[in-house]
Amino acid sequence: MREAKLLLAADAPDGAYYLAGYVVEFALKACIAKSTQRHDFPEKVHVIRSHTHNTRELISVAGLKAPLQEAVRQYEFYRRWEIVVQWSEESRYTGHSLQEAANLIEARYGILQWLKKRY
């Protein structure tokens, strides 16, 4: 996240946006990893579904659909979630304004606080 903020401050919103999105993806993957014990041999379908950048799919794989549905009832969380879920790994190929990058950086804070309780 530090690098995303540095890129934003350096007037490089595309890189800032791109990196900020990965922060949430990695937090979701940490939730998935926590559900796997050291000597587990996870189901192949579960492993394949984990190898994605799609935030919605990762929420499902992490078993967080129901808690997310509860969380989005709060307006502020919903607002942040709607910003975060728009990110994709394809973001590196599209332009983003400073405001879009700043919005994503700001939005991920509330989402990460929620996710940290789960990993």
Protein backbone atom coordinates (compact mmCIF):
# COMPACT_ATOMS: atom_id res chain seq x y z
CA MET A 1 0.00 0.00 0.00
CA ARG A 2 2.92 2.27 0.70
CA GLU A 3 4.00 2.13 -2.95
CA ALA A 4 0.47 2.85 -4.16
CA LYS A 5 0.41 5.98 -1.99
CA LEU A 6 3.83 7.04 -3.28
CA LEU A 7 2.68 6.60 -6.86
CA LEU A 8 -0.43 8.65 -6.15
CA ALA A 9 1.69 11.43 -4.62
CA ALA A 10 3.98 11.32 -7.68
CA ASP A 11 1.00 11.92 -10.00
CA ALA A 12 1.02 8.33 -11.27
CA PRO A 13 -2.60 7.30 -10.71
CA ASP A 14 -2.57 4.27 -13.02
CA GLY A 15 0.12 2.50 -11.01
CA ALA A 16 -1.42 3.62 -7.71
CA TYR A 17 -4.81 2.23 -8.72
CA TYR A 18 -3.32 -1.02 -9.97
CA LEU A 19 -1.29 -1.71 -6.82
CA ALA A 20 -4.05 -0.67 -4.41
CA GLY A 21 -6.36 -3.27 -5.92
CA TYR A 22 -3.93 -6.06 -5.21
CA VAL A 23 -3.99 -5.22 -1.50
CA VAL A 24 -7.59 -6.44 -1.19
CA GLU A 25 -6.95 -9.46 -3.42
CA PHE A 26 -4.03 -10.56 -1.27
CA ALA A 27 -6.06 -10.11 1.92
CA LEU A 28 -8.76 -12.35 0.47
CA LYS A 29 -6.16 -14.93 -0.47
CA ALA A 30 -4.82 -14.77 3.10
CA CYS A 31 -8.34 -15.65 4.30
CA ILE A 32 -8.38 -18.61 1.93
CA ALA A 33 -4.91 -19.72 3.03
CA LYS A 34 -5.91 -19.56 6.69
CA SER A 35 -8.67 -22.07 6.06
CA THR A 36 -6.08 -24.59 4.82
CA GLN A 37 -4.17 -26.47 7.50
CA ARG A 38 -0.52 -27.39 7.11
CA HIS A 39 -0.98 -30.98 5.95
CA ASP A 40 -4.29 -30.51 4.16
CA PHE A 41 -4.66 -31.55 0.58
CA PRO A 42 -7.38 -29.18 -0.65
CA GLU A 43 -9.90 -30.14 -3.28
CA LYS A 44 -8.68 -29.37 -6.79
CA VAL A 45 -11.75 -27.23 -7.58
CA HIS A 46 -11.07 -25.11 -4.48
CA VAL A 47 -7.46 -24.59 -5.53
CA ILE A 48 -8.40 -23.69 -9.11
CA ARG A 49 -11.06 -21.23 -7.90
CA SER A 50 -8.43 -19.61 -5.65
CA HIS A 51 -6.24 -18.83 -8.64
CA THR A 52 -8.16 -15.79 -9.79
CA HIS A 53 -8.03 -12.02 -9.45
CA ASN A 54 -11.83 -11.77 -9.36
CA THR A 55 -12.80 -10.24 -6.01
CA ARG A 56 -16.31 -11.67 -6.02
CA GLU A 57 -15.04 -15.17 -6.75
CA LEU A 58 -12.43 -14.90 -3.99
CA ILE A 59 -15.13 -13.84 -1.51
CA SER A 60 -16.98 -17.02 -2.40
CA VAL A 61 -13.91 -19.26 -2.17
CA ALA A 62 -13.03 -17.73 1.21
CA GLY A 63 -16.51 -18.58 2.48
CA LEU A 64 -17.32 -14.93 3.12
CA LYS A 65 -20.48 -14.50 1.05
CA ALA A 66 -22.86 -14.46 4.01
CA PRO A 67 -20.70 -12.16 6.17
CA LEU A 68 -20.30 -9.83 3.18
CA GLN A 69 -24.06 -9.68 2.64
CA GLU A 70 -24.40 -8.64 6.27
CA ALA A 71 -21.59 -6.06 6.04
CA VAL A 72 -22.91 -4.34 2.91
CA ARG A 73 -26.06 -3.42 4.81
CA GLN A 74 -23.98 -0.63 6.33
CA TYR A 75 -23.88 2.22 3.84
CA GLU A 76 -20.23 3.15 4.35
CA PHE A 77 -19.07 -0.44 3.90
CA TYR A 78 -21.30 -0.81 0.83
CA ARG A 79 -19.87 2.39 -0.68
CA ARG A 80 -16.32 1.15 -0.17
CA TRP A 81 -17.10 -2.34 -1.41
CA GLU A 82 -18.58 -0.98 -4.64
CA ILE A 83 -15.34 0.90 -5.32
CA VAL A 84 -13.07 -2.02 -4.46
CA VAL A 85 -14.98 -4.61 -6.47
CA GLN A 86 -14.56 -2.58 -9.67
CA TRP A 87 -10.82 -3.27 -9.67
CA SER A 88 -9.38 -6.04 -11.84
CA GLU A 89 -5.93 -7.12 -12.94
CA GLU A 90 -6.84 -5.63 -16.31
CA SER A 91 -6.70 -2.21 -14.64
CA ARG A 92 -3.09 -1.90 -15.76
CA TYR A 93 -4.32 -1.48 -19.34
CA THR A 94 -6.79 1.32 -18.62
CA GLY A 95 -6.27 4.88 -17.51
CA HIS A 96 -7.35 6.11 -14.10
CA SER A 97 -7.63 9.59 -12.69
CA LEU A 98 -5.97 10.75 -9.51
CA GLN A 99 -9.42 10.80 -7.92
CA GLU A 100 -10.19 7.21 -8.91
CA ALA A 101 -6.88 6.04 -7.47
CA ALA A 102 -7.41 8.06 -4.28
CA ASN A 103 -10.92 6.65 -3.94
CA LEU A 104 -9.66 3.08 -4.24
CA ILE A 105 -6.87 3.68 -1.75
CA GLU A 106 -9.34 5.19 0.72
CA ALA A 107 -12.00 2.53 0.14
CA ARG A 108 -9.74 -0.40 0.78
CA TYR A 109 -9.16 0.70 4.42
CA GLY A 110 -12.63 -0.28 5.62
CA ILE A 111 -12.60 -3.46 3.57
CA LEU A 112 -9.20 -4.49 4.95
CA GLN A 113 -10.32 -3.89 8.53
CA TRP A 114 -13.22 -6.23 7.88
CA LEU A 115 -11.01 -8.85 6.20
CA LYS A 116 -8.32 -8.73 8.91
CA LYS A 117 -10.85 -10.10 11.36
CA ARG A 118 -11.03 -13.18 9.15
CA TYR A 119 -7.35 -14.05 8.63
